[in-house]
């Protein structure tokens, strides 16, 4: 007997995406970026979050003008050193540059294009001899999250899995996750990004190491179906979107219990204006909305 589609997927997803896209397009500033909320000036850090990678990959055909304006914003703000800062004229950022590379490629830029090549070269130059990446001048940023993001960007840009930057980066992630597991001090978002990087680097979701990490990630799922950004926080939309995408990448089906509950939580948080905040009832925010729309399009 054929498995029936889970009830949450029988919702009018096309209409949800349409409403969300209209809100997101109305919130985009003329320069191609978004602020922390609708009708706020462009914040480059907000406009370079990981959510835009998923959005451009899965929604750019539905809203090509939005994608083109975002790419234009990125290119105008690329630093002479090849990286992308989180504020206009600021120091290049590992996370922002990683998003920059992946967004450009998802939008149709070639790996050989100058902007992509310069960003890739910057990432490779800034890798520590020990294999990790660290935000310049920001020791509070998670080296695990930065390294995982950089690895995925370099793989998207065509680096071989056996290349030195990738193997050194993967070795760092394996060691870091082992240590953080022992200390029980790894946030769901950092763990999800680590799993994603390992899967994209060739590890199977069924491999012993990745499957153990996935078990830890599933244990962090809250009763409401969502995942928190940190260890003790309540569920948030962005962190749940990230985890669900990683579960799908690792081989979980759309009808699996964890994915179905995660999507159910996300849909329950939709605001009346058709967009999403981190939690229901808060003012809608662009990056959370973009992440949800990308996931809905992916599950279509």
Protein backbone atom coordinates (compact mmCIF):
# COMPACT_ATOMS: atom_id res chain seq x y z
CA UNK A 1 0.00 0.00 0.00
CA UNK A 2 1.38 3.40 -1.01
CA UNK A 3 2.32 5.64 1.90
CA UNK A 4 0.01 8.62 2.14
CA UNK A 5 1.42 12.12 2.16
CA UNK A 6 1.73 13.47 5.72
CA UNK A 7 -1.19 15.79 6.66
CA UNK A 8 1.01 18.86 7.08
CA UNK A 9 2.10 18.60 3.44
CA UNK A 10 -1.49 18.76 2.22
CA UNK A 11 -1.64 22.41 3.20
CA UNK A 12 -1.78 24.85 0.25
CA UNK A 13 1.98 25.23 0.01
CA UNK A 14 1.87 27.09 -3.31
CA UNK A 15 -0.30 29.76 -1.72
CA UNK A 16 1.94 29.96 1.35
CA UNK A 17 4.99 30.46 -0.88
CA UNK A 18 3.17 33.06 -2.97
CA UNK A 19 2.17 35.08 0.09
CA UNK A 20 5.64 34.81 1.59
CA UNK A 21 7.36 35.87 -1.64
CA UNK A 22 5.13 38.93 -1.93
CA UNK A 23 6.07 39.97 1.60
CA UNK A 24 9.76 39.29 1.04
CA UNK A 25 9.83 41.23 -2.23
CA UNK A 26 8.11 44.17 -0.56
CA UNK A 27 10.69 44.09 2.24
CA UNK A 28 13.70 44.12 -0.12
CA UNK A 29 15.39 47.50 -0.31
CA UNK A 30 16.25 49.15 -3.65
CA UNK A 31 19.93 48.28 -3.13
CA UNK A 32 19.05 44.57 -3.12
CA UNK A 33 19.40 43.89 0.60
CA UNK A 34 17.20 43.50 3.63
CA UNK A 35 17.21 44.96 7.09
CA UNK A 36 16.46 43.21 10.33
CA UNK A 37 12.75 43.87 9.68
CA UNK A 38 10.57 45.19 6.91
CA UNK A 39 11.14 48.88 6.03
CA UNK A 40 14.51 49.03 7.79
CA UNK A 41 17.81 49.96 6.10
CA UNK A 42 19.90 47.19 4.59
CA UNK A 43 21.98 45.25 7.07
CA UNK A 44 24.76 43.41 5.26
CA UNK A 45 25.03 40.82 8.04
CA UNK A 46 21.30 40.02 7.67
CA UNK A 47 21.61 39.95 3.88
CA UNK A 48 24.52 37.46 3.99
CA UNK A 49 23.03 34.82 6.29
CA UNK A 50 22.91 31.15 5.29
CA UNK A 51 19.14 31.37 4.63
CA UNK A 52 19.79 33.25 1.38
CA UNK A 53 21.82 30.31 0.05
CA UNK A 54 18.80 28.04 0.43
CA UNK A 55 16.46 30.73 -0.89
CA UNK A 56 18.44 31.39 -4.06
CA UNK A 57 18.92 27.67 -4.65
CA UNK A 58 15.26 26.75 -4.34
CA UNK A 59 13.32 29.95 -5.05
CA UNK A 60 15.36 32.00 -7.54
CA UNK A 61 13.29 30.82 -10.51
CA UNK A 62 10.16 32.10 -8.81
CA UNK A 63 11.69 35.47 -8.05
CA UNK A 64 14.66 36.11 -10.32
CA UNK A 65 14.61 39.87 -9.79
CA UNK A 66 15.05 39.38 -6.03
CA UNK A 67 18.01 37.06 -6.67
CA UNK A 68 19.62 39.43 -9.16
CA UNK A 69 19.39 42.41 -6.82
CA UNK A 70 20.89 40.40 -3.95
CA UNK A 71 23.81 39.26 -6.14
CA UNK A 72 24.35 42.89 -7.14
CA UNK A 73 24.48 43.92 -3.48
CA UNK A 74 27.07 41.25 -2.75
CA UNK A 75 29.30 42.20 -5.67
CA UNK A 76 29.22 45.90 -4.85
CA UNK A 77 30.33 45.20 -1.29
CA UNK A 78 33.02 42.61 -1.99
CA UNK A 79 36.24 43.79 -0.36
CA UNK A 80 39.46 44.22 -2.38
CA UNK A 81 40.84 41.16 -0.53
CA UNK A 82 38.03 39.06 -2.05
CA UNK A 83 35.95 38.54 1.08
CA UNK A 84 32.54 39.90 2.00
CA UNK A 85 32.14 41.96 5.18
CA UNK A 86 29.16 42.02 7.53
CA UNK A 87 29.08 45.81 7.39
CA UNK A 88 29.85 48.11 4.47
CA UNK A 89 33.60 48.69 4.35
CA UNK A 90 34.22 46.35 7.27
CA UNK A 91 36.59 43.42 7.69
CA UNK A 92 35.86 40.37 5.55
CA UNK A 93 33.87 37.65 7.31
CA UNK A 94 34.14 33.88 6.95
CA UNK A 95 30.40 33.30 7.27
CA UNK A 96 29.47 36.17 4.95
CA UNK A 97 32.05 35.15 2.35
CA UNK A 98 30.87 31.55 2.46
CA UNK A 99 27.29 32.69 1.82
CA UNK A 100 28.56 35.03 -0.90
CA UNK A 101 30.16 32.17 -2.83
CA UNK A 102 27.19 29.84 -2.49
CA UNK A 103 24.61 32.48 -3.41
CA UNK A 104 26.53 33.55 -6.51
CA UNK A 105 26.88 29.96 -7.69
CA UNK A 106 23.23 29.15 -6.97
CA UNK A 107 22.23 32.26 -8.93
CA UNK A 108 24.10 31.04 -12.01
CA UNK A 109 27.54 32.61 -11.66
CA UNK A 110 30.36 30.39 -12.90
CA UNK A 111 33.08 29.01 -10.67
CA UNK A 112 35.59 30.78 -12.90
CA UNK A 113 33.96 34.21 -12.53
CA UNK A 114 36.22 36.80 -10.94
CA UNK A 115 34.04 37.48 -7.89
CA UNK A 116 33.77 33.79 -7.06
CA UNK A 117 37.47 33.11 -7.62
CA UNK A 118 38.56 36.01 -5.40
CA UNK A 119 36.20 34.93 -2.61
CA UNK A 120 37.45 31.34 -2.81
CA UNK A 121 41.07 32.53 -2.69
CA UNK A 122 40.30 34.64 0.38
CA UNK A 123 38.75 31.67 2.18
CA UNK A 124 41.71 29.47 1.36
CA UNK A 125 44.18 32.11 2.58
CA UNK A 126 42.38 32.57 5.89
CA UNK A 127 42.28 28.88 6.86
CA UNK A 128 44.36 28.16 9.93
CA UNK A 129 47.23 25.65 9.60
CA UNK A 130 45.19 23.53 12.04
CA UNK A 131 42.35 23.38 9.52
CA UNK A 132 39.78 25.70 11.05
CA UNK A 133 38.42 29.13 10.11
CA UNK A 134 37.92 31.97 12.59
CA UNK A 135 36.28 35.36 12.14
CA UNK A 136 39.02 38.03 12.23
CA UNK A 137 38.78 39.88 15.52
CA UNK A 138 35.77 37.88 16.73
CA UNK A 139 36.75 35.09 19.09
CA UNK A 140 33.15 34.64 20.21
CA UNK A 141 32.06 33.27 16.83
CA UNK A 142 31.90 29.48 16.63
CA UNK A 143 34.92 28.08 14.80
CA UNK A 144 32.88 24.94 14.14
CA UNK A 145 30.11 26.85 12.35
CA UNK A 146 32.59 28.98 10.41
CA UNK A 147 34.65 25.99 9.34
CA UNK A 148 31.61 23.99 8.28
CA UNK A 149 30.28 26.92 6.24
CA UNK A 150 33.65 27.48 4.58
CA UNK A 151 34.00 23.81 3.65
CA UNK A 152 30.59 23.75 1.98
CA UNK A 153 31.35 26.94 0.05
CA UNK A 154 34.68 25.56 -1.20
CA UNK A 155 33.07 22.28 -2.22
CA UNK A 156 30.35 24.16 -4.10
CA UNK A 157 33.09 26.15 -5.80
CA UNK A 158 34.65 22.97 -7.15
CA UNK A 159 37.41 22.03 -4.72
CA UNK A 160 38.02 18.28 -4.66
CA UNK A 161 37.05 16.40 -1.53
CA UNK A 162 40.63 15.12 -1.32
CA UNK A 163 42.17 18.61 -1.55
CA UNK A 164 44.22 19.84 1.39
CA UNK A 165 41.84 22.64 2.54
CA UNK A 166 38.90 20.22 2.61
CA UNK A 167 40.67 17.32 4.32
CA UNK A 168 42.22 19.61 6.93
CA UNK A 169 38.88 21.28 7.53
CA UNK A 170 37.08 17.96 7.86
CA UNK A 171 39.72 16.71 10.30
CA UNK A 172 39.14 19.80 12.43
CA UNK A 173 35.37 19.26 12.41
CA UNK A 174 35.72 15.61 13.41
CA UNK A 175 38.00 16.51 16.29
CA UNK A 176 35.90 19.50 17.38
CA UNK A 177 32.63 17.57 17.40
CA UNK A 178 34.19 14.75 19.40
CA UNK A 179 35.39 17.22 22.01
CA UNK A 180 32.15 19.20 22.18
CA UNK A 181 30.16 15.98 22.45
CA UNK A 182 32.23 14.99 25.45
CA UNK A 183 31.63 18.40 27.00
CA UNK A 184 27.98 18.42 25.87
CA UNK A 185 28.52 21.98 24.67
CA UNK A 186 27.48 21.99 21.01
CA UNK A 187 24.44 23.99 19.89
CA UNK A 188 21.95 22.34 17.50
CA UNK A 189 22.83 24.88 14.78
CA UNK A 190 26.57 24.22 15.05
CA UNK A 191 25.97 20.47 15.10
CA UNK A 192 23.66 20.70 12.07
CA UNK A 193 26.23 22.68 10.07
CA UNK A 194 28.94 20.19 11.02
CA UNK A 195 26.79 17.29 9.80
CA UNK A 196 25.98 19.16 6.58
CA UNK A 197 29.66 19.79 5.86
CA UNK A 198 30.55 16.15 6.51
CA UNK A 199 27.75 14.89 4.25
CA UNK A 200 28.82 17.24 1.46
CA UNK A 201 32.41 16.12 1.96
CA UNK A 202 31.37 12.54 1.19
CA UNK A 203 30.31 11.04 4.52
CA UNK A 204 27.16 8.95 4.27
CA UNK A 205 24.26 9.74 6.56
CA UNK A 206 24.41 6.06 7.51
CA UNK A 207 28.09 6.17 8.47
CA UNK A 208 28.77 5.44 12.13
CA UNK A 209 30.10 8.89 12.95
CA UNK A 210 27.41 10.92 11.16
CA UNK A 211 24.61 8.69 12.42
CA UNK A 212 25.77 9.30 16.00
CA UNK A 213 25.74 13.05 15.41
CA UNK A 214 22.27 12.79 13.89
CA UNK A 215 21.04 11.00 17.01
CA UNK A 216 22.32 13.89 19.12
CA UNK A 217 20.59 16.36 16.82
CA UNK A 218 17.29 14.49 17.06
CA UNK A 219 17.54 14.47 20.85
CA UNK A 220 17.62 18.27 20.75
CA UNK A 221 14.22 18.47 19.04
CA UNK A 222 11.66 20.10 21.33
CA UNK A 223 8.19 18.79 22.11
CA UNK A 224 6.71 21.44 19.79
CA UNK A 225 8.72 19.96 16.91
CA UNK A 226 11.23 22.78 16.60
CA UNK A 227 14.88 23.20 17.43
CA UNK A 228 16.46 26.00 19.46
CA UNK A 229 19.44 28.06 18.34
CA UNK A 230 21.26 27.28 21.59
CA UNK A 231 21.18 24.44 24.08
CA UNK A 232 18.61 25.86 26.49
CA UNK A 233 16.60 28.28 24.36
CA UNK A 234 13.10 27.65 23.05
CA UNK A 235 12.42 26.59 19.46
CA UNK A 236 13.11 29.11 16.71
CA UNK A 237 12.11 29.14 13.05
CA UNK A 238 15.58 29.74 11.56
CA UNK A 239 17.29 27.00 13.56
CA UNK A 240 14.47 24.56 12.74
CA UNK A 241 14.70 25.37 9.03
CA UNK A 242 18.44 24.75 9.13
CA UNK A 243 18.11 21.42 10.94
CA UNK A 244 15.32 20.15 8.66
CA UNK A 245 17.43 20.98 5.58
CA UNK A 246 20.35 19.08 7.07
CA UNK A 247 18.15 16.08 7.87
CA UNK A 248 16.97 16.03 4.27
CA UNK A 249 20.57 16.26 3.05
CA UNK A 250 21.48 13.34 5.31
CA UNK A 251 18.81 11.12 3.75
CA UNK A 252 15.74 11.63 5.95
CA UNK A 253 12.50 11.46 4.00
CA UNK A 254 9.93 14.26 3.92
CA UNK A 255 7.54 11.98 5.79
CA UNK A 256 9.96 11.03 8.56
CA UNK A 257 8.77 11.87 12.05
CA UNK A 258 11.49 14.44 12.80
CA UNK A 259 11.05 16.29 9.49
CA UNK A 260 7.25 16.22 9.67
CA UNK A 261 7.25 17.59 13.23
CA UNK A 262 9.84 20.22 12.32
CA UNK A 263 7.83 21.44 9.34
CA UNK A 264 4.68 21.38 11.46
CA UNK A 265 6.34 23.69 13.98
CA UNK A 266 7.49 26.04 11.21
CA UNK A 267 4.03 26.27 9.63
CA UNK A 268 2.45 26.92 13.03
CA UNK A 269 4.61 30.04 13.42
CA UNK A 270 3.38 31.87 10.29
CA UNK A 271 2.24 35.42 10.92
CA UNK A 272 -0.99 36.82 9.49
CA UNK A 273 0.95 38.83 6.88
CA UNK A 274 2.22 35.62 5.27
CA UNK A 275 5.76 35.92 6.61
CA UNK A 276 7.70 34.47 9.54
CA UNK A 277 9.56 35.67 12.61
CA UNK A 278 11.68 33.49 14.87
CA UNK A 279 8.57 32.96 16.99
CA UNK A 280 4.89 33.44 16.26
CA UNK A 281 3.53 36.92 16.95
CA UNK A 282 6.89 38.70 16.76
CA UNK A 283 7.47 41.10 13.83
CA UNK A 284 8.20 39.18 10.63
CA UNK A 285 11.83 39.16 9.53
CA UNK A 286 13.29 38.65 6.04
CA UNK A 287 15.91 35.97 6.68
CA UNK A 288 13.51 33.69 8.59
CA UNK A 289 10.88 34.10 5.85
CA UNK A 290 13.43 33.35 3.13
CA UNK A 291 14.51 30.17 4.89
CA UNK A 292 10.95 28.91 5.27
CA UNK A 293 10.05 29.65 1.64
CA UNK A 294 13.16 27.78 0.44
CA UNK A 295 12.22 24.76 2.54
CA UNK A 296 8.62 24.76 1.32
CA UNK A 297 9.82 24.91 -2.29
CA UNK A 298 12.28 22.10 -1.63
CA UNK A 299 9.55 19.88 -0.17
CA UNK A 300 7.20 20.56 -3.06
